[in-house]
């Protein structure tokens, strides 16, 4: 029963937050809130990606030179900074990641 209450609560909160933008189309945020909302995608993406780079097994810190996740992440950041091209960042990051995994003998083949 608790699981169903949790699911229904999440459904209600999700619906309320999404529907509110349609229910109140003339809603305008103050400039400070609008400025803060510009940082939300960066903060969310960082919160998702950084733990995967620093804790690849989910339990132990991996701040070593043989951490392909960390090195490929840094390479992807550098590619993004220099090229400002999304496809180049994704492709370059994946290429560096798989080359490092191959060089470190970490590919599960």
PDB file of N, CA and C in Angstrom:
ATOM      1  N   UNK A   1       0.816  -1.201   0.000  1.00  0.00           N
ATOM      2  CA  UNK A   1       0.000   0.000   0.000  1.00  0.00           C
ATOM      3  C   UNK A   1       0.854   1.257   0.000  1.00  0.00           C
ATOM      4  N   UNK A   2       1.971   1.209   0.750  1.00  0.00           N
ATOM      5  CA  UNK A   2       2.850   2.372   0.797  1.00  0.00           C
ATOM      6  C   UNK A   2       3.453   2.682  -0.573  1.00  0.00           C
ATOM      7  N   UNK A   3       3.734   1.630  -1.330  1.00  0.00           N
ATOM      8  CA  UNK A   3       4.307   1.831  -2.660  1.00  0.00           C
ATOM      9  C   UNK A   3       3.322   2.569  -3.562  1.00  0.00           C
ATOM     10  N   UNK A   4       2.041   2.171  -3.490  1.00  0.00           N
ATOM     11  CA  UNK A   4       1.033   2.838  -4.325  1.00  0.00           C
ATOM     12  C   UNK A   4       0.831   4.291  -3.908  1.00  0.00           C
ATOM     13  N   UNK A   5       0.894   4.565  -2.622  1.00  0.00           N
ATOM     14  CA  UNK A   5       0.773   5.956  -2.160  1.00  0.00           C
ATOM     15  C   UNK A   5       1.957   6.790  -2.651  1.00  0.00           C
ATOM     16  N   UNK A   6       3.131   6.196  -2.627  1.00  0.00           N
ATOM     17  CA  UNK A   6       4.318   6.887  -3.130  1.00  0.00           C
ATOM     18  C   UNK A   6       4.187   7.173  -4.622  1.00  0.00           C
ATOM     19  N   UNK A   7       3.737   6.190  -5.387  1.00  0.00           N
ATOM     20  CA  UNK A   7       3.571   6.371  -6.831  1.00  0.00           C
ATOM     21  C   UNK A   7       2.514   7.440  -7.118  1.00  0.00           C
ATOM     22  N   UNK A   8       1.391   7.391  -6.418  1.00  0.00           N
ATOM     23  CA  UNK A   8       0.344   8.396  -6.624  1.00  0.00           C
ATOM     24  C   UNK A   8       0.806   9.790  -6.209  1.00  0.00           C
ATOM     25  N   UNK A   9       1.589   9.880  -5.147  1.00  0.00           N
ATOM     26  CA  UNK A   9       2.137  11.173  -4.740  1.00  0.00           C
ATOM     27  C   UNK A   9       3.088  11.740  -5.779  1.00  0.00           C
ATOM     28  N   UNK A  10       3.964  10.899  -6.331  1.00  0.00           N
ATOM     29  CA  UNK A  10       4.880  11.357  -7.380  1.00  0.00           C
ATOM     30  C   UNK A  10       4.113  11.773  -8.623  1.00  0.00           C
ATOM     31  N   UNK A  11       3.044  11.027  -8.939  1.00  0.00           N
ATOM     32  CA  UNK A  11       2.223  11.373 -10.088  1.00  0.00           C
ATOM     33  C   UNK A  11       1.575  12.746  -9.887  1.00  0.00           C
ATOM     34  N   UNK A  12       1.047  12.989  -8.696  1.00  0.00           N
ATOM     35  CA  UNK A  12       0.377  14.265  -8.423  1.00  0.00           C
ATOM     36  C   UNK A  12       1.358  15.432  -8.487  1.00  0.00           C
ATOM     37  N   UNK A  13       2.534  15.259  -7.928  1.00  0.00           N
ATOM     38  CA  UNK A  13       3.526  16.340  -7.941  1.00  0.00           C
ATOM     39  C   UNK A  13       3.996  16.608  -9.364  1.00  0.00           C
ATOM     40  N   UNK A  14       4.275  15.559 -10.122  1.00  0.00           N
ATOM     41  CA  UNK A  14       4.722  15.737 -11.503  1.00  0.00           C
ATOM     42  C   UNK A  14       3.644  16.408 -12.343  1.00  0.00           C
ATOM     43  N   UNK A  15       2.405  15.960 -12.190  1.00  0.00           N
ATOM     44  CA  UNK A  15       1.318  16.564 -12.947  1.00  0.00           C
ATOM     45  C   UNK A  15       1.124  18.024 -12.572  1.00  0.00           C
ATOM     46  N   UNK A  16       1.169  18.338 -11.284  1.00  0.00           N
ATOM     47  CA  UNK A  16       0.953  19.714 -10.836  1.00  0.00           C
ATOM     48  C   UNK A  16       2.031  20.654 -11.362  1.00  0.00           C
ATOM     49  N   UNK A  17       3.275  20.220 -11.340  1.00  0.00           N
ATOM     50  CA  UNK A  17       4.345  21.104 -11.820  1.00  0.00           C
ATOM     51  C   UNK A  17       4.278  21.302 -13.325  1.00  0.00           C
ATOM     52  N   UNK A  18       3.930  20.270 -14.061  1.00  0.00           N
ATOM     53  CA  UNK A  18       3.863  20.406 -15.521  1.00  0.00           C
ATOM     54  C   UNK A  18       2.589  21.129 -15.964  1.00  0.00           C
ATOM     55  N   UNK A  19       1.472  20.850 -15.311  1.00  0.00           N
ATOM     56  CA  UNK A  19       0.196  21.458 -15.697  1.00  0.00           C
ATOM     57  C   UNK A  19       0.146  22.936 -15.331  1.00  0.00           C
ATOM     58  N   UNK A  20       0.860  23.326 -14.297  1.00  0.00           N
ATOM     59  CA  UNK A  20       0.799  24.720 -13.855  1.00  0.00           C
ATOM     60  C   UNK A  20       1.263  25.683 -14.944  1.00  0.00           C
ATOM     61  N   UNK A  21       2.186  25.263 -15.787  1.00  0.00           N
ATOM     62  CA  UNK A  21       2.649  26.136 -16.865  1.00  0.00           C
ATOM     63  C   UNK A  21       1.572  26.335 -17.928  1.00  0.00           C
ATOM     64  N   UNK A  22       0.695  25.327 -18.107  1.00  0.00           N
ATOM     65  CA  UNK A  22      -0.411  25.465 -19.056  1.00  0.00           C
ATOM     66  C   UNK A  22      -1.612  26.166 -18.428  1.00  0.00           C
ATOM     67  N   UNK A  23      -1.819  25.955 -17.139  1.00  0.00           N
ATOM     68  CA  UNK A  23      -2.971  26.541 -16.455  1.00  0.00           C
ATOM     69  C   UNK A  23      -2.804  28.050 -16.273  1.00  0.00           C
ATOM     70  N   UNK A  24      -1.575  28.490 -16.120  1.00  0.00           N
ATOM     71  CA  UNK A  24      -1.293  29.919 -15.918  1.00  0.00           C
ATOM     72  C   UNK A  24      -0.338  30.409 -17.008  1.00  0.00           C
ATOM     73  N   UNK A  25      -0.825  30.597 -18.233  1.00  0.00           N
ATOM     74  CA  UNK A  25       0.075  30.956 -19.344  1.00  0.00           C
ATOM     75  C   UNK A  25       0.680  32.345 -19.200  1.00  0.00           C
ATOM     76  N   UNK A  26       0.058  33.219 -18.401  1.00  0.00           N
ATOM     77  CA  UNK A  26       0.591  34.571 -18.236  1.00  0.00           C
ATOM     78  C   UNK A  26       1.541  34.684 -17.051  1.00  0.00           C
ATOM     79  N   UNK A  27       1.917  33.562 -16.501  1.00  0.00           N
ATOM     80  CA  UNK A  27       2.819  33.555 -15.353  1.00  0.00           C
ATOM     81  C   UNK A  27       4.198  34.052 -15.785  1.00  0.00           C
ATOM     82  N   UNK A  28       4.710  35.038 -15.104  1.00  0.00           N
ATOM     83  CA  UNK A  28       6.036  35.593 -15.399  1.00  0.00           C
ATOM     84  C   UNK A  28       6.896  35.514 -14.155  1.00  0.00           C
ATOM     85  N   UNK A  29       8.101  35.014 -14.338  1.00  0.00           N
ATOM     86  CA  UNK A  29       9.030  34.911 -13.217  1.00  0.00           C
ATOM     87  C   UNK A  29       9.825  36.202 -13.083  1.00  0.00           C
ATOM     88  N   UNK A  30      10.239  36.531 -11.868  1.00  0.00           N
ATOM     89  CA  UNK A  30      11.118  37.690 -11.688  1.00  0.00           C
ATOM     90  C   UNK A  30      12.457  37.447 -12.393  1.00  0.00           C
ATOM     91  N   UNK A  31      13.162  38.522 -12.736  1.00  0.00           N
ATOM     92  CA  UNK A  31      14.436  38.360 -13.456  1.00  0.00           C
ATOM     93  C   UNK A  31      15.450  37.492 -12.717  1.00  0.00           C
ATOM     94  N   UNK A  32      15.480  37.576 -11.395  1.00  0.00           N
ATOM     95  CA  UNK A  32      16.441  36.776 -10.642  1.00  0.00           C
ATOM     96  C   UNK A  32      16.135  35.281 -10.775  1.00  0.00           C
ATOM     97  N   UNK A  33      14.864  34.913 -10.756  1.00  0.00           N
ATOM     98  CA  UNK A  33      14.474  33.511 -10.919  1.00  0.00           C
ATOM     99  C   UNK A  33      14.780  33.042 -12.339  1.00  0.00           C
ATOM    100  N   UNK A  34      14.477  33.865 -13.330  1.00  0.00           N
ATOM    101  CA  UNK A  34      14.785  33.496 -14.720  1.00  0.00           C
ATOM    102  C   UNK A  34      16.280  33.311 -14.914  1.00  0.00           C
ATOM    103  N   UNK A  35      17.079  34.181 -14.300  1.00  0.00           N
ATOM    104  CA  UNK A  35      18.528  34.043 -14.410  1.00  0.00           C
ATOM    105  C   UNK A  35      18.996  32.750 -13.747  1.00  0.00           C
ATOM    106  N   UNK A  36      18.411  32.415 -12.609  1.00  0.00           N
ATOM    107  CA  UNK A  36      18.785  31.181 -11.926  1.00  0.00           C
ATOM    108  C   UNK A  36      18.383  29.937 -12.692  1.00  0.00           C
ATOM    109  N   UNK A  37      17.255  30.005 -13.399  1.00  0.00           N
ATOM    110  CA  UNK A  37      16.799  28.853 -14.170  1.00  0.00           C
ATOM    111  C   UNK A  37      17.717  28.515 -15.337  1.00  0.00           C
ATOM    112  N   UNK A  38      18.525  29.469 -15.774  1.00  0.00           N
ATOM    113  CA  UNK A  38      19.474  29.193 -16.857  1.00  0.00           C
ATOM    114  C   UNK A  38      20.552  28.202 -16.417  1.00  0.00           C
ATOM    115  N   UNK A  39      20.795  28.098 -15.114  1.00  0.00           N
ATOM    116  CA  UNK A  39      21.841  27.212 -14.612  1.00  0.00           C
ATOM    117  C   UNK A  39      21.332  25.811 -14.285  1.00  0.00           C
ATOM    118  N   UNK A  40      20.045  25.581 -14.362  1.00  0.00           N
ATOM    119  CA  UNK A  40      19.478  24.284 -13.995  1.00  0.00           C
ATOM    120  C   UNK A  40      19.989  23.156 -14.887  1.00  0.00           C
ATOM    121  N   UNK A  41      19.975  23.265 -16.224  1.00  0.00           N
ATOM    122  CA  UNK A  41      20.473  22.140 -17.038  1.00  0.00           C
ATOM    123  C   UNK A  41      21.926  21.785 -16.748  1.00  0.00           C
ATOM    124  N   UNK A  42      22.766  22.794 -16.561  1.00  0.00           N
ATOM    125  CA  UNK A  42      24.172  22.532 -16.261  1.00  0.00           C
ATOM    126  C   UNK A  42      24.314  21.832 -14.922  1.00  0.00           C
ATOM    127  N   UNK A  43      23.571  22.273 -13.921  1.00  0.00           N
ATOM    128  CA  UNK A  43      23.652  21.663 -12.597  1.00  0.00           C
ATOM    129  C   UNK A  43      23.145  20.225 -12.615  1.00  0.00           C
ATOM    130  N   UNK A  44      22.067  19.971 -13.324  1.00  0.00           N
ATOM    131  CA  UNK A  44      21.509  18.613 -13.383  1.00  0.00           C
ATOM    132  C   UNK A  44      22.460  17.682 -14.131  1.00  0.00           C
ATOM    133  N   UNK A  45      22.984  18.127 -15.257  1.00  0.00           N
ATOM    134  CA  UNK A  45      23.912  17.298 -16.019  1.00  0.00           C
ATOM    135  C   UNK A  45      25.175  17.006 -15.212  1.00  0.00           C
ATOM    136  N   UNK A  46      25.678  18.000 -14.500  1.00  0.00           N
ATOM    137  CA  UNK A  46      26.855  17.803 -13.662  1.00  0.00           C
ATOM    138  C   UNK A  46      26.570  16.792 -12.557  1.00  0.00           C
ATOM    139  N   UNK A  47      25.404  16.889 -11.940  1.00  0.00           N
ATOM    140  CA  UNK A  47      25.048  15.958 -10.867  1.00  0.00           C
ATOM    141  C   UNK A  47      24.905  14.532 -11.372  1.00  0.00           C
ATOM    142  N   UNK A  48      24.596  14.357 -12.632  1.00  0.00           N
ATOM    143  CA  UNK A  48      24.460  13.012 -13.197  1.00  0.00           C
ATOM    144  C   UNK A  48      25.817  12.467 -13.645  1.00  0.00           C
ATOM    145  N   UNK A  49      26.640  13.290 -14.268  1.00  0.00           N
ATOM    146  CA  UNK A  49      27.864  12.811 -14.908  1.00  0.00           C
ATOM    147  C   UNK A  49      29.039  12.680 -13.949  1.00  0.00           C
ATOM    148  N   UNK A  50      29.241  13.642 -13.068  1.00  0.00           N
ATOM    149  CA  UNK A  50      30.438  13.647 -12.223  1.00  0.00           C
ATOM    150  C   UNK A  50      30.541  12.413 -11.321  1.00  0.00           C
ATOM    151  N   UNK A  51      29.470  11.952 -10.673  1.00  0.00           N
ATOM    152  CA  UNK A  51      29.630  10.717  -9.890  1.00  0.00           C
ATOM    153  C   UNK A  51      30.044   9.517 -10.742  1.00  0.00           C
ATOM    154  N   UNK A  52      29.596   9.451 -11.965  1.00  0.00           N
ATOM    155  CA  UNK A  52      30.018   8.363 -12.844  1.00  0.00           C
ATOM    156  C   UNK A  52      31.481   8.443 -13.215  1.00  0.00           C
ATOM    157  N   UNK A  53      32.013   9.651 -13.269  1.00  0.00           N
ATOM    158  CA  UNK A  53      33.432   9.816 -13.589  1.00  0.00           C
ATOM    159  C   UNK A  53      34.318   9.511 -12.377  1.00  0.00           C
ATOM    160  N   UNK A  54      33.891   9.941 -11.197  1.00  0.00           N
ATOM    161  CA  UNK A  54      34.722   9.799 -10.014  1.00  0.00           C
ATOM    162  C   UNK A  54      34.483   8.506  -9.243  1.00  0.00           C
ATOM    163  N   UNK A  55      33.301   7.930  -9.389  1.00  0.00           N
ATOM    164  CA  UNK A  55      32.951   6.675  -8.714  1.00  0.00           C
ATOM    165  C   UNK A  55      32.431   5.671  -9.744  1.00  0.00           C
ATOM    166  N   UNK A  56      33.269   5.189 -10.663  1.00  0.00           N
ATOM    167  CA  UNK A  56      32.758   4.335 -11.737  1.00  0.00           C
ATOM    168  C   UNK A  56      32.140   3.025 -11.247  1.00  0.00           C
ATOM    169  N   UNK A  57      32.591   2.502 -10.123  1.00  0.00           N
ATOM    170  CA  UNK A  57      31.982   1.275  -9.603  1.00  0.00           C
ATOM    171  C   UNK A  57      30.842   1.575  -8.637  1.00  0.00           C
ATOM    172  N   UNK A  58      30.630   2.835  -8.329  1.00  0.00           N
ATOM    173  CA  UNK A  58      29.540   3.237  -7.463  1.00  0.00           C
ATOM    174  C   UNK A  58      29.868   3.212  -5.987  1.00  0.00           C
ATOM    175  N   UNK A  59      31.080   2.807  -5.621  1.00  0.00           N
ATOM    176  CA  UNK A  59      31.418   2.684  -4.207  1.00  0.00           C
ATOM    177  C   UNK A  59      32.737   3.340  -3.838  1.00  0.00           C
ATOM    178  N   UNK A  60      33.727   3.261  -4.694  1.00  0.00           N
ATOM    179  CA  UNK A  60      35.067   3.716  -4.346  1.00  0.00           C
ATOM    180  C   UNK A  60      35.505   4.853  -5.269  1.00  0.00           C
ATOM    181  N   UNK A  61      36.207   5.817  -4.675  1.00  0.00           N
ATOM    182  CA  UNK A  61      36.776   6.909  -5.463  1.00  0.00           C
ATOM    183  C   UNK A  61      37.817   6.342  -6.412  1.00  0.00           C
ATOM    184  N   UNK A  62      37.850   6.835  -7.637  1.00  0.00           N
ATOM    185  CA  UNK A  62      38.804   6.359  -8.639  1.00  0.00           C
ATOM    186  C   UNK A  62      39.560   7.553  -9.205  1.00  0.00           C
ATOM    187  N   UNK A  63      40.376   8.159  -8.369  1.00  0.00           N
ATOM    188  CA  UNK A  63      41.205   9.285  -8.813  1.00  0.00           C
ATOM    189  C   UNK A  63      42.589   8.759  -9.171  1.00  0.00           C
ATOM    190  N   UNK A  64      42.646   8.032 -10.283  1.00  0.00           N
ATOM    191  CA  UNK A  64      43.890   7.422 -10.723  1.00  0.00           C
ATOM    192  C   UNK A  64      44.052   7.638 -12.219  1.00  0.00           C
ATOM    193  N   UNK A  65      45.271   7.408 -12.697  1.00  0.00           N
ATOM    194  CA  UNK A  65      45.559   7.612 -14.121  1.00  0.00           C
ATOM    195  C   UNK A  65      44.974   6.509 -14.994  1.00  0.00           C
ATOM    196  N   UNK A  66      44.509   5.411 -14.388  1.00  0.00           N
ATOM    197  CA  UNK A  66      43.904   4.349 -15.185  1.00  0.00           C
ATOM    198  C   UNK A  66      42.378   4.399 -15.164  1.00  0.00           C
ATOM    199  N   UNK A  67      41.804   5.509 -14.745  1.00  0.00           N
ATOM    200  CA  UNK A  67      40.344   5.696 -14.748  1.00  0.00           C
ATOM    201  C   UNK A  67      39.942   6.286 -16.094  1.00  0.00           C
ATOM    202  N   UNK A  68      39.509   5.416 -16.987  1.00  0.00           N
ATOM    203  CA  UNK A  68      39.129   5.853 -18.336  1.00  0.00           C
ATOM    204  C   UNK A  68      37.917   6.776 -18.302  1.00  0.00           C
ATOM    205  N   UNK A  69      37.029   6.592 -17.336  1.00  0.00           N
ATOM    206  CA  UNK A  69      35.844   7.442 -17.218  1.00  0.00           C
ATOM    207  C   UNK A  69      36.247   8.885 -16.937  1.00  0.00           C
ATOM    208  N   UNK A  70      37.160   9.057 -15.992  1.00  0.00           N
ATOM    209  CA  UNK A  70      37.605  10.399 -15.620  1.00  0.00           C
ATOM    210  C   UNK A  70      38.390  11.063 -16.749  1.00  0.00           C
ATOM    211  N   UNK A  71      39.311  10.334 -17.336  1.00  0.00           N
ATOM    212  CA  UNK A  71      40.133  10.916 -18.401  1.00  0.00           C
ATOM    213  C   UNK A  71      39.305  11.248 -19.641  1.00  0.00           C
ATOM    214  N   UNK A  72      38.370  10.374 -20.001  1.00  0.00           N
ATOM    215  CA  UNK A  72      37.510  10.647 -21.157  1.00  0.00           C
ATOM    216  C   UNK A  72      36.568  11.805 -20.860  1.00  0.00           C
ATOM    217  N   UNK A  73      36.118  11.926 -19.616  1.00  0.00           N
ATOM    218  CA  UNK A  73      35.280  13.066 -19.243  1.00  0.00           C
ATOM    219  C   UNK A  73      36.028  14.374 -19.350  1.00  0.00           C
ATOM    220  N   UNK A  74      37.267  14.392 -18.898  1.00  0.00           N
ATOM    221  CA  UNK A  74      38.088  15.595 -19.024  1.00  0.00           C
ATOM    222  C   UNK A  74      38.356  15.907 -20.496  1.00  0.00           C
ATOM    223  N   UNK A  75      38.599  14.875 -21.289  1.00  0.00           N
ATOM    224  CA  UNK A  75      38.808  15.077 -22.726  1.00  0.00           C
ATOM    225  C   UNK A  75      37.545  15.632 -23.386  1.00  0.00           C
ATOM    226  N   UNK A  76      36.375  15.125 -22.997  1.00  0.00           N
ATOM    227  CA  UNK A  76      35.118  15.624 -23.557  1.00  0.00           C
ATOM    228  C   UNK A  76      34.892  17.083 -23.167  1.00  0.00           C
ATOM    229  N   UNK A  77      35.248  17.442 -21.942  1.00  0.00           N
ATOM    230  CA  UNK A  77      35.129  18.846 -21.517  1.00  0.00           C
ATOM    231  C   UNK A  77      36.043  19.723 -22.357  1.00  0.00           C
ATOM    232  N   UNK A  78      37.255  19.248 -22.613  1.00  0.00           N
ATOM    233  CA  UNK A  78      38.197  20.030 -23.433  1.00  0.00           C
ATOM    234  C   UNK A  78      37.690  20.159 -24.870  1.00  0.00           C
ATOM    235  N   UNK A  79      37.162  19.076 -25.419  1.00  0.00           N
ATOM    236  CA  UNK A  79      36.632  19.125 -26.784  1.00  0.00           C
ATOM    237  C   UNK A  79      35.467  20.101 -26.852  1.00  0.00           C
ATOM    238  N   UNK A  80      34.591  20.063 -25.859  1.00  0.00           N
ATOM    239  CA  UNK A  80      33.447  20.977 -25.832  1.00  0.00           C
ATOM    240  C   UNK A  80      33.895  22.426 -25.710  1.00  0.00           C
ATOM    241  N   UNK A  81      34.920  22.665 -24.914  1.00  0.00           N
ATOM    242  CA  UNK A  81      35.401  24.036 -24.732  1.00  0.00           C
ATOM    243  C   UNK A  81      36.027  24.589 -26.005  1.00  0.00           C
ATOM    244  N   UNK A  82      36.731  23.742 -26.741  1.00  0.00           N
ATOM    245  CA  UNK A  82      37.410  24.227 -27.944  1.00  0.00           C
ATOM    246  C   UNK A  82      36.511  24.282 -29.173  1.00  0.00           C
ATOM    247  N   UNK A  83      35.638  23.279 -29.325  1.00  0.00           N
ATOM    248  CA  UNK A  83      34.858  23.218 -30.559  1.00  0.00           C
ATOM    249  C   UNK A  83      33.465  23.814 -30.440  1.00  0.00           C
ATOM    250  N   UNK A  84      32.869  23.764 -29.243  1.00  0.00           N
ATOM    251  CA  UNK A  84      31.477  24.210 -29.039  1.00  0.00           C
ATOM    252  C   UNK A  84      30.526  23.470 -29.980  1.00  0.00           C
ATOM    253  N   UNK A  85      30.837  22.211 -30.253  1.00  0.00           N
ATOM    254  CA  UNK A  85      30.053  21.399 -31.175  1.00  0.00           C
ATOM    255  C   UNK A  85      29.627  20.131 -30.442  1.00  0.00           C
ATOM    256  N   UNK A  86      28.322  19.907 -30.311  1.00  0.00           N
ATOM    257  CA  UNK A  86      27.800  18.799 -29.524  1.00  0.00           C
ATOM    258  C   UNK A  86      28.208  17.448 -30.081  1.00  0.00           C
ATOM    259  N   UNK A  87      28.074  17.256 -31.380  1.00  0.00           N
ATOM    260  CA  UNK A  87      28.404  15.966 -31.971  1.00  0.00           C
ATOM    261  C   UNK A  87      29.899  15.663 -31.845  1.00  0.00           C
ATOM    262  N   UNK A  88      30.729  16.675 -32.017  1.00  0.00           N
ATOM    263  CA  UNK A  88      32.174  16.473 -31.849  1.00  0.00           C
ATOM    264  C   UNK A  88      32.501  16.107 -30.403  1.00  0.00           C
ATOM    265  N   UNK A  89      31.806  16.700 -29.464  1.00  0.00           N
ATOM    266  CA  UNK A  89      32.039  16.393 -28.053  1.00  0.00           C
ATOM    267  C   UNK A  89      31.643  14.959 -27.736  1.00  0.00           C
ATOM    268  N   UNK A  90      30.479  14.548 -28.186  1.00  0.00           N
ATOM    269  CA  UNK A  90      30.016  13.184 -27.916  1.00  0.00           C
ATOM    270  C   UNK A  90      30.914  12.169 -28.613  1.00  0.00           C
ATOM    271  N   UNK A  91      31.164  12.378 -29.897  1.00  0.00           N
ATOM    272  CA  UNK A  91      32.007  11.444 -30.646  1.00  0.00           C
ATOM    273  C   UNK A  91      33.426  11.395 -30.124  1.00  0.00           C
ATOM    274  N   UNK A  92      34.007  12.556 -29.859  1.00  0.00           N
ATOM    275  CA  UNK A  92      35.371  12.595 -29.341  1.00  0.00           C
ATOM    276  C   UNK A  92      35.481  11.980 -27.963  1.00  0.00           C
ATOM    277  N   UNK A  93      34.514  12.252 -27.107  1.00  0.00           N
ATOM    278  CA  UNK A  93      34.528  11.660 -25.770  1.00  0.00           C
ATOM    279  C   UNK A  93      34.411  10.149 -25.812  1.00  0.00           C
ATOM    280  N   UNK A  94      33.506   9.639 -26.656  1.00  0.00           N
ATOM    281  CA  UNK A  94      33.372   8.191 -26.790  1.00  0.00           C
ATOM    282  C   UNK A  94      34.630   7.565 -27.387  1.00  0.00           C
ATOM    283  N   UNK A  95      35.198   8.219 -28.383  1.00  0.00           N
ATOM    284  CA  UNK A  95      36.419   7.695 -28.992  1.00  0.00           C
ATOM    285  C   UNK A  95      37.548   7.622 -27.968  1.00  0.00           C
ATOM    286  N   UNK A  96      37.748   8.696 -27.225  1.00  0.00           N
ATOM    287  CA  UNK A  96      38.794   8.709 -26.195  1.00  0.00           C
ATOM    288  C   UNK A  96      38.514   7.651 -25.138  1.00  0.00           C
ATOM    289  N   UNK A  97      37.241   7.535 -24.724  1.00  0.00           N
ATOM    290  CA  UNK A  97      36.888   6.550 -23.705  1.00  0.00           C
ATOM    291  C   UNK A  97      37.228   5.132 -24.150  1.00  0.00           C
ATOM    292  N   UNK A  98      36.800   4.760 -25.354  1.00  0.00           N
ATOM    293  CA  UNK A  98      37.056   3.392 -25.808  1.00  0.00           C
ATOM    294  C   UNK A  98      38.529   3.151 -26.106  1.00  0.00           C
ATOM    295  N   UNK A  99      39.235   4.158 -26.599  1.00  0.00           N
ATOM    296  CA  UNK A  99      40.679   3.995 -26.801  1.00  0.00           C
ATOM    297  C   UNK A  99      41.405   3.815 -25.471  1.00  0.00           C
ATOM    298  N   UNK A 100      41.007   4.566 -24.450  1.00  0.00           N
ATOM    299  CA  UNK A 100      41.626   4.400 -23.137  1.00  0.00           C
ATOM    300  C   UNK A 100      41.295   3.040 -22.535  1.00  0.00           C
ATOM    301  N   UNK A 101      40.044   2.613 -22.658  1.00  0.00           N
ATOM    302  CA  UNK A 101      39.675   1.290 -22.128  1.00  0.00           C
ATOM    303  C   UNK A 101      40.472   0.193 -22.838  1.00  0.00           C
ATOM    304  N   UNK A 102      40.666   0.356 -24.160  1.00  0.00           N
ATOM    305  CA  UNK A 102      41.460  -0.617 -24.904  1.00  0.00           C
ATOM    306  C   UNK A 102      42.925  -0.578 -24.456  1.00  0.00           C
ATOM    307  N   UNK A 103      43.468   0.645 -24.296  1.00  0.00           N
ATOM    308  CA  UNK A 103      44.873   0.787 -23.900  1.00  0.00           C
ATOM    309  C   UNK A 103      45.115   0.256 -22.481  1.00  0.00           C
ATOM    310  N   UNK A 104      44.140   0.413 -21.595  1.00  0.00           N
ATOM    311  CA  UNK A 104      44.298  -0.063 -20.221  1.00  0.00           C
ATOM    312  C   UNK A 104      43.912  -1.530 -20.055  1.00  0.00           C
ATOM    313  N   UNK A 105      43.447  -2.167 -21.127  1.00  0.00           N
ATOM    314  CA  UNK A 105      43.051  -3.563 -21.063  1.00  0.00           C
ATOM    315  C   UNK A 105      41.765  -3.769 -20.268  1.00  0.00           C
ATOM    316  N   UNK A 106      40.847  -2.817 -20.315  1.00  0.00           N
ATOM    317  CA  UNK A 106      39.629  -2.875 -19.517  1.00  0.00           C
ATOM    318  C   UNK A 106      38.387  -3.206 -20.338  1.00  0.00           C
ATOM    319  N   UNK A 107      38.539  -3.494 -21.628  1.00  0.00           N
ATOM    320  CA  UNK A 107      37.379  -3.837 -22.435  1.00  0.00           C
ATOM    321  C   UNK A 107      36.930  -5.252 -22.110  1.00  0.00           C
ATOM    322  N   UNK A 108      35.632  -5.452 -21.883  1.00  0.00           N
ATOM    323  CA  UNK A 108      35.135  -6.786 -21.504  1.00  0.00           C
ATOM    324  C   UNK A 108      34.930  -7.690 -22.710  1.00  0.00           C
ATOM    325  N   UNK A 109      36.006  -8.010 -23.398  1.00  0.00           N
ATOM    326  CA  UNK A 109      35.908  -8.871 -24.587  1.00  0.00           C
ATOM    327  C   UNK A 109      36.593 -10.201 -24.289  1.00  0.00           C
TER     328      UNK A 109
END
